[in-house]
Protein backbone atom coordinates (compact mmCIF):
# COMPACT_ATOMS: atom_id res chain seq x y z
CA MET A 1 68.25 192.16 40.47
CA SER A 2 67.89 188.87 42.51
CA LEU A 3 69.92 185.81 41.31
CA GLY A 4 67.64 183.26 43.39
CA LEU A 5 70.46 182.21 45.69
CA SER A 6 69.60 180.87 48.74
CA PRO A 7 71.14 181.72 52.35
CA ALA A 8 74.53 180.23 52.98
CA THR A 9 74.90 177.56 55.45
CA ALA A 10 77.53 176.03 57.39
CA ALA A 11 79.45 173.18 55.84
CA THR A 12 79.02 169.95 57.96
CA PRO A 13 82.80 168.20 58.17
CA VAL A 14 83.27 164.43 57.39
CA THR A 15 84.26 162.32 60.16
CA GLY A 16 85.16 158.61 60.16
CA ALA A 17 83.78 156.19 62.55
CA VAL A 18 85.30 156.74 66.15
CA ILE A 19 87.40 153.69 67.17
CA GLY A 20 87.43 153.18 70.78
CA LEU A 21 91.28 152.16 71.45
CA PRO A 22 92.52 151.53 75.03
CA ASN A 23 93.65 153.73 77.59
CA PHE A 24 96.51 151.77 79.94
CA ALA A 25 96.83 154.37 82.13
CA ASP A 26 94.60 153.26 84.86
CA LEU A 27 95.75 149.98 84.51
CA VAL A 28 99.01 150.87 84.62
CA ASP A 29 98.88 152.87 87.92
CA SER A 30 97.08 150.18 89.31
CA VAL A 31 99.66 146.97 88.49
CA GLY A 32 102.83 149.21 88.36
CA PRO A 33 103.77 149.24 91.99
CA ALA A 34 104.20 145.40 92.16
CA VAL A 35 106.36 145.08 89.41
CA VAL A 36 110.07 145.11 90.53
CA ASN A 37 113.37 145.52 89.17
CA ILE A 38 115.87 142.82 89.83
CA ARG A 39 119.92 143.33 90.20
CA THR A 40 122.19 140.30 90.52
CA THR A 41 125.81 140.04 91.64
CA GLU A 42 128.27 137.64 91.47
CA ARG A 43 131.66 137.26 92.72
CA LEU A 44 133.80 137.15 89.77
CA LYS A 45 135.73 133.83 89.40
CA GLN A 46 138.74 132.67 87.54
CA GLY A 47 137.77 132.11 83.69
CA LYS A 48 135.03 134.74 83.59
CA GLY A 49 134.96 138.05 81.73
CA ALA A 50 134.64 141.66 83.13
CA ALA A 51 130.83 141.26 83.48
CA GLY A 52 131.05 138.13 85.54
CA LEU A 53 129.86 136.07 82.82
CA GLY A 54 131.03 132.50 82.03
CA ASP A 55 130.81 130.91 78.77
CA ASP A 56 127.25 128.71 79.46
CA ASP A 57 125.84 131.95 80.76
CA VAL A 58 126.88 133.77 77.74
CA GLN A 59 125.61 131.17 75.78
CA GLU A 60 122.41 130.85 77.28
CA LEU A 61 121.57 134.78 76.69
CA LEU A 62 122.65 134.24 73.03
CA ARG A 63 120.15 131.53 72.78
CA ARG A 64 117.33 133.48 74.62
CA PHE A 65 117.86 136.58 73.14
CA PHE A 66 119.74 136.65 70.48
CA GLY A 67 119.14 133.73 68.10
CA GLY A 68 122.80 132.93 68.58
CA ALA A 69 125.09 136.06 67.92
CA ILE A 70 125.01 139.45 69.31
CA PRO A 71 125.13 142.12 66.83
CA PRO A 72 127.77 145.02 67.04
CA GLY A 73 127.03 147.07 69.96
CA ALA A 74 124.58 145.04 71.66
CA VAL A 75 124.56 144.09 75.17
CA PRO A 76 122.73 140.75 76.40
CA ASN A 77 120.27 141.55 78.94
CA GLY A 78 121.00 144.97 79.08
CA ARG A 79 124.37 144.18 81.22
CA SER A 80 127.20 146.70 80.64
CA PRO A 81 130.86 145.89 79.87
CA ARG A 82 132.77 146.21 83.59
CA ARG A 83 136.32 146.68 84.18
CA GLN A 84 137.92 143.50 85.86
CA ALA A 85 137.02 143.63 89.33
CA PRO A 86 139.26 141.78 92.33
CA SER A 87 137.85 138.30 93.15
CA ASP A 88 136.78 139.04 96.55
CA GLU A 89 134.66 142.21 94.99
CA PRO A 90 131.04 141.55 93.55
CA VAL A 91 130.31 142.93 90.38
CA GLN A 92 127.15 143.37 88.61
CA ARG A 93 125.76 140.42 86.92
CA GLY A 94 122.84 141.60 85.08
CA VAL A 95 119.23 143.27 85.35
CA GLY A 96 115.95 141.54 84.88
CA SER A 97 112.29 142.36 86.06
CA GLY A 98 109.62 140.49 88.42
CA PHE A 99 106.56 141.05 89.89
CA ILE A 100 105.04 140.23 93.76
CA LEU A 101 102.89 137.30 94.15
CA SER A 102 101.88 138.05 97.72
CA ALA A 103 101.95 140.97 100.29
CA ASP A 104 104.12 138.70 102.45
CA GLY A 105 106.91 139.42 99.85
CA TYR A 106 106.90 136.24 97.18
CA VAL A 107 108.33 137.36 93.93
CA MET A 108 107.94 135.55 90.75
CA THR A 109 110.69 136.15 87.83
CA ASN A 110 112.83 133.75 85.35
CA ALA A 111 115.13 131.15 86.37
CA HIS A 112 117.50 132.77 83.88
CA VAL A 113 117.40 136.13 85.32
CA VAL A 114 118.67 134.85 88.53
CA ASP A 115 120.86 131.93 87.76
CA GLY A 116 124.61 131.51 89.07
CA ALA A 117 124.17 135.04 90.97
CA ASP A 118 125.46 135.19 94.20
CA GLU A 119 123.35 137.87 95.45
CA VAL A 120 120.01 139.48 94.39
CA PHE A 121 118.65 142.54 94.74
CA VAL A 122 114.69 143.42 94.33
CA THR A 123 113.61 147.22 94.36
CA LEU A 124 110.43 148.55 94.01
CA THR A 125 109.13 151.43 92.33
CA ASP A 126 109.09 153.87 95.58
CA LYS A 127 113.09 153.11 95.64
CA ARG A 128 112.72 150.51 98.39
CA GLU A 129 115.58 147.93 97.81
CA PHE A 130 115.47 144.46 99.37
CA LYS A 131 117.94 141.69 99.48
CA ALA A 132 116.00 138.40 98.29
CA LYS A 133 116.46 134.80 98.85
CA VAL A 134 116.38 132.62 95.75
CA LEU A 135 113.79 129.77 96.94
CA GLY A 136 114.06 127.74 93.87
CA ALA A 137 114.66 127.94 89.99
CA ASP A 138 113.42 125.73 87.46
CA ALA A 139 115.12 126.00 84.38
CA SER A 140 112.60 123.72 82.16
CA THR A 141 109.85 126.35 82.72
CA ASP A 142 112.17 129.15 83.64
CA VAL A 143 110.55 129.79 86.46
CA ALA A 144 111.94 131.25 89.85
CA VAL A 145 110.41 132.38 93.36
CA LEU A 146 112.21 134.37 95.51
CA LYS A 147 111.44 136.08 98.91
CA ILE A 148 112.08 139.20 100.27
CA GLU A 149 111.46 140.38 103.96
CA GLY A 150 108.41 143.14 103.98
CA GLU A 151 104.95 143.64 104.79
CA LYS A 152 101.71 144.79 103.17
CA LEU A 153 103.42 144.90 99.93
CA PRO A 154 101.81 145.59 96.50
CA PHE A 155 100.73 142.40 94.75
CA LEU A 156 99.23 141.28 91.62
CA GLN A 157 96.37 138.92 90.59
CA MET A 158 96.69 135.84 88.63
CA GLY A 159 94.47 135.24 85.63
CA ASP A 160 93.80 131.86 84.01
CA SER A 161 95.93 131.50 80.83
CA ASP A 162 94.26 128.56 79.59
CA LYS A 163 91.51 131.09 79.22
CA ILE A 164 93.71 133.77 76.95
CA ARG A 165 92.44 134.36 73.14
CA ALA A 166 94.50 135.48 70.56
CA GLY A 167 93.98 139.26 69.68
CA GLU A 168 93.51 140.07 73.46
CA TRP A 169 95.27 143.33 74.42
CA VAL A 170 97.93 143.02 76.82
CA ILE A 171 100.65 144.94 78.25
CA ALA A 172 104.22 144.21 79.48
CA ILE A 173 106.02 146.18 82.50
CA GLY A 174 109.53 145.83 83.01
CA SER A 175 113.31 147.22 82.77
CA PRO A 176 114.44 146.80 79.48
CA PHE A 177 118.09 147.79 79.47
CA ASN A 178 117.81 148.64 82.78
CA LEU A 179 114.77 151.42 81.96
CA GLU A 180 112.94 151.03 84.82
CA ASN A 181 108.79 150.58 84.87
CA THR A 182 108.35 150.61 80.99
CA VAL A 183 105.10 150.02 79.84
CA THR A 184 104.80 148.62 76.56
CA ALA A 185 101.61 147.07 74.76
CA GLY A 186 100.19 145.24 72.24
CA ILE A 187 98.08 141.69 71.55
CA ILE A 188 98.43 138.17 72.08
CA SER A 189 99.37 136.68 68.80
CA ALA A 190 99.14 132.95 69.59
CA LYS A 191 98.09 131.04 72.65
CA SER A 192 100.34 127.92 72.36
CA ARG A 193 103.47 128.72 70.31
CA ASP A 194 105.52 125.54 70.40
CA THR A 195 109.30 126.87 70.52
CA GLY A 196 111.25 123.74 71.45
CA GLU A 197 110.91 124.49 75.01
CA TYR A 198 109.51 122.45 77.70
CA LEU A 199 106.11 124.46 77.74
CA ALA A 200 104.26 125.60 74.95
CA LEU A 201 104.66 129.50 75.27
CA ILE A 202 102.18 132.64 74.70
CA GLN A 203 103.21 134.35 71.84
CA SER A 204 102.38 138.51 71.52
CA ASP A 205 103.46 141.54 69.77
CA VAL A 206 104.26 143.24 72.74
CA ALA A 207 107.73 145.11 72.73
CA VAL A 208 109.91 142.73 75.05
CA ASN A 209 113.92 143.46 75.14
CA PRO A 210 117.08 142.46 77.35
CA GLY A 211 115.70 143.32 80.79
CA ASN A 212 112.29 142.52 80.42
CA SER A 213 112.90 139.13 81.45
CA GLY A 214 110.94 137.61 84.61
CA GLY A 215 108.47 140.64 84.09
CA PRO A 216 104.63 140.24 83.80
CA LEU A 217 102.29 139.84 80.68
CA ILE A 218 98.90 141.46 82.04
CA ASN A 219 95.44 141.27 80.48
CA MET A 220 92.95 144.21 80.71
CA ARG A 221 91.59 143.03 83.91
CA GLY A 222 95.07 143.61 85.62
CA GLU A 223 95.81 139.84 85.82
CA VAL A 224 99.18 138.33 85.27
CA ILE A 225 98.33 135.82 82.31
CA GLY A 226 102.48 135.23 81.83
CA ILE A 227 105.75 135.71 82.37
CA ASN A 228 107.89 137.45 79.79
CA SER A 229 110.66 135.03 79.07
CA GLN A 230 111.98 135.16 75.35
CA ILE A 231 112.48 136.94 71.81
CA ALA A 232 112.46 135.80 68.45
CA THR A 233 115.56 137.98 66.59
CA LEU A 234 117.65 138.26 63.76
CA SER A 235 118.56 141.60 64.56
CA GLY A 236 119.47 141.35 68.09
CA GLY A 237 117.11 143.41 69.10
CA TYR A 238 113.05 143.22 69.30
CA ASN A 239 111.86 142.19 66.04
CA GLY A 240 107.73 142.17 66.75
CA ILE A 241 107.65 138.69 68.36
CA SER A 242 107.94 137.92 72.40
CA PHE A 243 106.90 134.90 74.36
CA ALA A 244 105.72 134.55 77.87
CA VAL A 245 105.29 131.52 80.12
CA PRO A 246 101.82 130.85 80.69
CA ILE A 247 100.85 131.78 84.50
CA ASN A 248 98.74 128.77 85.13
CA GLU A 249 102.03 126.45 84.45
CA ALA A 250 104.47 128.76 86.39
CA MET A 251 102.05 128.77 89.52
CA ARG A 252 102.18 125.05 89.48
CA VAL A 253 105.89 125.21 89.43
CA SER A 254 106.17 128.16 91.87
CA GLU A 255 103.86 125.92 94.45
CA GLN A 256 106.61 123.34 94.43
CA LEU A 257 109.57 125.90 94.61
CA LYS A 258 108.47 127.29 97.49
CA LYS A 259 107.53 123.99 99.17
CA ASN A 260 110.71 121.96 98.27
CA GLY A 261 113.15 124.23 96.38
CA LYS A 262 112.85 122.34 93.20
CA VAL A 263 110.32 120.84 90.39
CA THR A 264 109.59 117.00 90.48
CA ARG A 265 108.68 115.68 87.09
CA GLY A 266 107.58 112.15 85.88
CA ARG A 267 109.21 110.07 82.71
CA ILE A 268 108.24 107.03 81.20
CA GLY A 269 111.39 106.29 79.14
CA VAL A 270 110.88 107.02 75.58
CA GLN A 271 112.63 108.78 72.87
CA ILE A 272 109.74 110.23 70.38
CA GLY A 273 109.57 112.21 67.08
CA GLU A 274 106.78 114.18 65.19
CA VAL A 275 104.28 112.19 62.79
CA SER A 276 104.56 113.10 59.29
CA LYS A 277 101.30 113.24 56.95
CA GLU A 278 103.10 110.40 54.91
CA VAL A 279 103.28 108.13 57.60
CA ALA A 280 100.02 108.72 59.48
CA GLU A 281 98.40 107.83 56.08
CA SER A 282 100.62 104.89 55.09
CA LEU A 283 99.81 103.87 58.81
CA GLY A 284 95.72 104.33 58.56
CA LEU A 285 95.84 107.43 61.11
CA LYS A 286 93.07 109.70 60.31
CA ASN A 287 95.23 112.58 61.04
CA ALA A 288 99.11 113.52 61.41
CA GLN A 289 98.92 113.29 65.56
CA GLY A 290 100.53 111.83 68.13
CA ALA A 291 104.31 110.90 69.05
CA GLU A 292 106.02 108.37 67.34
CA VAL A 293 108.72 106.18 69.56
CA ALA A 294 111.74 105.96 68.40
CA LEU A 295 113.67 104.73 71.37
CA VAL A 296 112.26 102.43 74.30
CA GLU A 297 114.61 102.70 77.32
CA PRO A 298 115.45 98.75 78.30
CA GLY A 299 113.85 98.33 81.64
CA GLY A 300 111.89 101.60 81.83
CA PRO A 301 108.21 101.84 82.72
CA ALA A 302 107.29 102.29 78.71
CA ASP A 303 109.43 99.03 78.23
CA LYS A 304 107.82 97.44 81.25
CA ALA A 305 104.33 98.23 79.81
CA GLY A 306 105.29 96.77 76.20
CA VAL A 307 105.63 99.83 74.32
CA LYS A 308 107.53 99.42 71.26
CA ALA A 309 109.79 101.30 69.22
CA GLY A 310 107.61 102.30 65.86
CA ASP A 311 104.32 102.50 68.07
CA ILE A 312 102.80 105.92 67.70
CA ILE A 313 101.39 107.51 71.07
CA LEU A 314 98.05 108.76 70.75
CA LYS A 315 96.94 109.40 74.31
CA PHE A 316 98.61 109.50 77.65
CA ASN A 317 95.99 109.04 80.80
CA GLY A 318 93.44 109.38 78.28
CA THR A 319 94.22 112.92 76.96
CA THR A 320 95.03 113.37 73.32
CA VAL A 321 98.71 113.66 72.22
CA ASN A 322 98.11 116.19 69.32
CA LYS A 323 101.97 116.47 68.84
CA SER A 324 104.88 114.97 70.27
CA SER A 325 105.95 118.08 72.45
CA ASP A 326 102.81 117.25 74.14
CA LEU A 327 103.57 113.75 75.64
CA PRO A 328 106.80 115.01 77.95
CA ARG A 329 104.27 117.74 79.54
CA LEU A 330 101.67 115.40 80.40
CA VAL A 331 104.12 112.58 81.79
CA GLY A 332 105.92 115.40 83.45
CA ASP A 333 102.86 116.85 85.27
CA SER A 334 101.75 113.18 86.36
CA PRO A 335 101.96 111.79 89.81
CA LEU A 336 104.73 109.61 89.98
CA GLY A 337 104.20 105.81 91.13
CA VAL A 338 100.65 105.86 90.40
CA LYS A 339 99.36 103.69 87.14
CA GLY A 340 98.30 105.21 84.33
CA SER A 341 97.69 104.40 80.73
CA VAL A 342 99.33 104.84 77.57
CA THR A 343 97.38 104.67 74.30
CA VAL A 344 99.32 103.28 71.27
CA TRP A 345 98.63 102.76 67.35
CA ARG A 346 100.29 99.57 66.33
CA LYS A 347 99.22 97.37 63.07
CA GLY A 348 96.51 99.48 62.35
CA ALA A 349 94.55 99.37 65.72
CA GLU A 350 94.72 101.31 68.91
CA LEU A 351 96.20 99.41 72.03
CA THR A 352 96.32 100.70 75.62
CA LEU A 353 98.74 99.74 78.05
CA PRO A 354 99.10 100.38 81.75
CA VAL A 355 102.20 102.48 82.69
CA THR A 356 103.65 103.48 85.78
CA VAL A 357 105.35 107.06 85.76
CA VAL A 358 108.51 107.27 87.67
CA GLU A 359 110.74 110.34 88.34
CA LEU A 360 112.76 112.26 85.88
CA ASP A 361 116.68 111.26 85.98
CA ALA A 362 115.64 108.03 87.43
CA ASP A 363 115.60 104.25 87.05
CA LYS A 364 117.30 104.92 83.73
CA GLY A 365 118.19 102.11 81.59
CA GLY A 366 121.29 101.37 79.18
CA LYS A 367 121.59 102.10 75.15
CA THR A 368 120.06 99.36 72.93
CA ALA A 369 122.19 97.38 70.97
CA LYS A 370 123.33 98.28 67.74
CA GLY A 371 123.44 95.01 66.42
CA LYS A 372 126.35 95.42 63.61
CA GLY A 373 128.54 93.36 64.87
CA ALA A 374 127.82 89.57 63.92
CA LYS A 375 128.73 87.92 60.55
CA PRO A 376 125.80 88.74 57.77
CA ALA A 377 123.35 85.98 56.31
CA PRO A 378 123.73 85.07 52.52
CA GLU A 379 122.93 88.39 50.46
CA VAL A 380 119.78 88.49 48.62
CA ALA A 381 120.74 89.24 44.92
CA LYS A 382 118.77 92.23 43.37
CA ALA A 383 117.51 95.27 44.64
CA ASN A 384 113.84 95.59 44.87
CA ALA A 385 111.30 98.22 43.80
CA LEU A 386 112.25 100.84 46.66
CA GLY A 387 116.15 100.40 45.87
CA LEU A 388 117.03 98.20 48.81
CA LYS A 389 118.88 94.94 48.58
CA VAL A 390 118.52 93.79 52.19
CA ILE A 391 119.97 90.43 53.78
CA ASP A 392 118.38 88.06 56.54
CA LEU A 393 118.94 89.09 60.42
CA ASN A 394 121.01 86.00 61.81
CA ALA A 395 120.29 84.28 65.23
CA GLU A 396 123.10 86.40 67.28
CA GLN A 397 122.24 89.95 65.39
CA LYS A 398 118.34 89.20 66.39
CA LYS A 399 119.40 88.69 69.83
CA GLU A 400 121.61 91.79 69.85
CA LEU A 401 118.68 93.82 68.92
CA GLY A 402 116.25 92.15 71.00
CA VAL A 403 113.78 91.60 67.86
CA ASP A 404 112.49 88.58 66.38
CA GLY A 405 112.54 89.45 62.73
CA GLY A 406 113.54 92.32 60.70
CA VAL A 407 116.17 92.63 57.76
CA LEU A 408 119.83 93.86 57.53
CA VAL A 409 120.13 96.94 54.48
CA ASP A 410 123.06 95.57 52.28
CA SER A 411 123.08 98.36 50.02
CA VAL A 412 120.72 101.64 48.53
CA GLU A 413 119.73 103.24 45.68
CA GLY A 414 117.48 104.88 43.29
CA VAL A 415 114.46 105.60 45.90
CA ALA A 416 115.96 104.35 49.21
CA ALA A 417 118.95 106.37 48.53
CA SER A 418 116.61 109.54 47.75
CA ALA A 419 115.14 108.85 51.15
CA GLN A 420 118.62 108.64 52.89
CA LEU A 421 118.26 105.09 53.94
CA GLU A 422 121.93 103.54 54.78
CA GLU A 423 123.72 100.45 54.37
CA GLY A 424 123.51 98.69 58.01
CA ASP A 425 120.01 100.10 58.65
CA VAL A 426 117.56 97.39 60.03
CA LEU A 427 114.38 97.28 58.34
CA LEU A 428 111.48 96.22 61.03
CA GLN A 429 108.24 96.94 59.67
CA LEU A 430 106.65 97.93 56.27
CA ASN A 431 103.65 99.84 56.49
CA ASN A 432 101.79 97.76 59.13
CA THR A 433 103.46 94.16 58.60
CA GLU A 434 106.36 93.08 60.67
CA ILE A 435 109.15 91.83 58.45
CA LYS A 436 110.19 88.46 59.04
CA SER A 437 112.77 87.74 55.85
CA ALA A 438 114.27 89.39 53.03
CA LYS A 439 112.20 86.92 50.92
CA GLN A 440 108.98 88.11 52.44
CA PHE A 441 110.05 91.65 52.55
CA ASN A 442 110.69 91.62 49.03
CA GLU A 443 107.84 90.36 47.89
CA MET A 444 105.38 92.75 50.02
CA VAL A 445 107.74 95.35 48.08
CA ALA A 446 106.64 93.88 44.87
CA LYS A 447 102.94 94.27 45.73
CA LEU A 448 103.38 97.99 46.77
CA ASP A 449 100.85 100.30 44.40
CA PRO A 450 103.64 103.05 42.80
CA LYS A 451 100.85 105.52 43.20
CA LYS A 452 100.95 105.62 46.82
CA ALA A 453 103.39 106.14 49.45
CA SER A 454 104.49 103.42 51.94
CA VAL A 455 106.46 103.55 55.17
CA VAL A 456 109.52 101.43 56.62
CA LEU A 457 110.22 101.37 60.27
CA VAL A 458 114.09 101.78 60.19
CA ARG A 459 116.26 100.84 63.18
CA ARG A 460 119.57 102.96 63.06
CA ASP A 461 121.92 102.68 65.69
CA ASP A 462 119.84 103.31 68.88
CA ALA A 463 117.01 105.17 67.44
CA THR A 464 114.07 104.02 65.23
CA ARG A 465 112.09 106.17 62.87
CA PHE A 466 109.35 105.70 60.07
CA ILE A 467 110.68 106.68 56.70
CA SER A 468 108.33 107.30 53.87
CA LEU A 469 109.13 105.81 50.62
CA ARG A 470 107.21 105.46 46.79
CA PRO A 471 108.40 102.44 44.71
CA SER A 472 109.47 102.98 41.66
CA ALA A 473 107.35 101.78 38.65
CA LYS A 474 107.72 98.56 37.16
């Protein structure tokens, strides 16, 4: 009896979409021979420990790799503890990484890898070892250039770090914990991460550990786009965040190091801070950007140009200053002795001033006068809506401070106390208006809208800054 069954058919397996993940093997074969291991030694000096490390060395390693503290069992920069050696014998100081820039033997690494070393040795993947000469090192960018005597050496091509994109695949090759030619991979997490260093760094999730320092961060075209330099960590080991010096800046630095053995940078003589959203709104700025001038060095380039404490620097030589850390980089890369311009926001309007950049650490002026030693003027009786009781500055105080107006804070309470204003502070501006006297200041405060924040420009000791306040309701 037929049951009407159809012939059996083979079942079709269910498969997901095939995702093409990169294979780095050919890339590593191509670029690996140009990545080197760097070993340094140092003759033991009085006051240094068994690993040849002084207090300054240890603190630098802690800062760069361990967030200020070494966890139990962790060894900074892949260094192993060593017994005390006689002072006339070299001891191994550390191990790092680097890469060859040209066939004739120029090598790039981090400045902190070779800092303080008496001897530096470069080892290639084919086990050839060379004694290297340090041509120069720049601590601000953490870049160093070495020279080894060799011919037809393998070398890497440089990429363009200005054109990188977050999400790109990258690899790192180096010697973490002295494990030579270790390859790790990941993506670029952020293009320009401000970590408080001189440069904004490339952030990635490529595994980087002590010993990777100075090794290349390489894109999928086999080009170097950064020098692995730091990690962010709470544990003492890799926690998923690493940082690299952008190769464009590293190459600019390397040219000066090869030519002069050092890097010359410019300065204009200002101390600066970030511009908060509250300060920007109160001063009439559309966005919280620029650099707030806290102090102008007397007799320095900015002082001669007419820049004043309380100015917001918006542009330098026509380039926008988005955040305060942009300014020292723009100024530092400018030609010395050439007249440029700085655009500032003052009293609700832009003002462009000519300024001449001078060499960093040259032409330094003295400190600004504090202006607190003279006899006070008569006291104003009542605290205003900002919680401030102020008195007029006398002629001697104004001369000492180098100001035409301003008032001295005699006491603080309420709003002002919450904002951490202090007795002895000098108030120079309220919003975009200069303060001429205690009477004028109190009259302006009385007219403030309690629904809106205002800012006062405060001089404390040698520094000046804006502080945001909201007056108490009447």
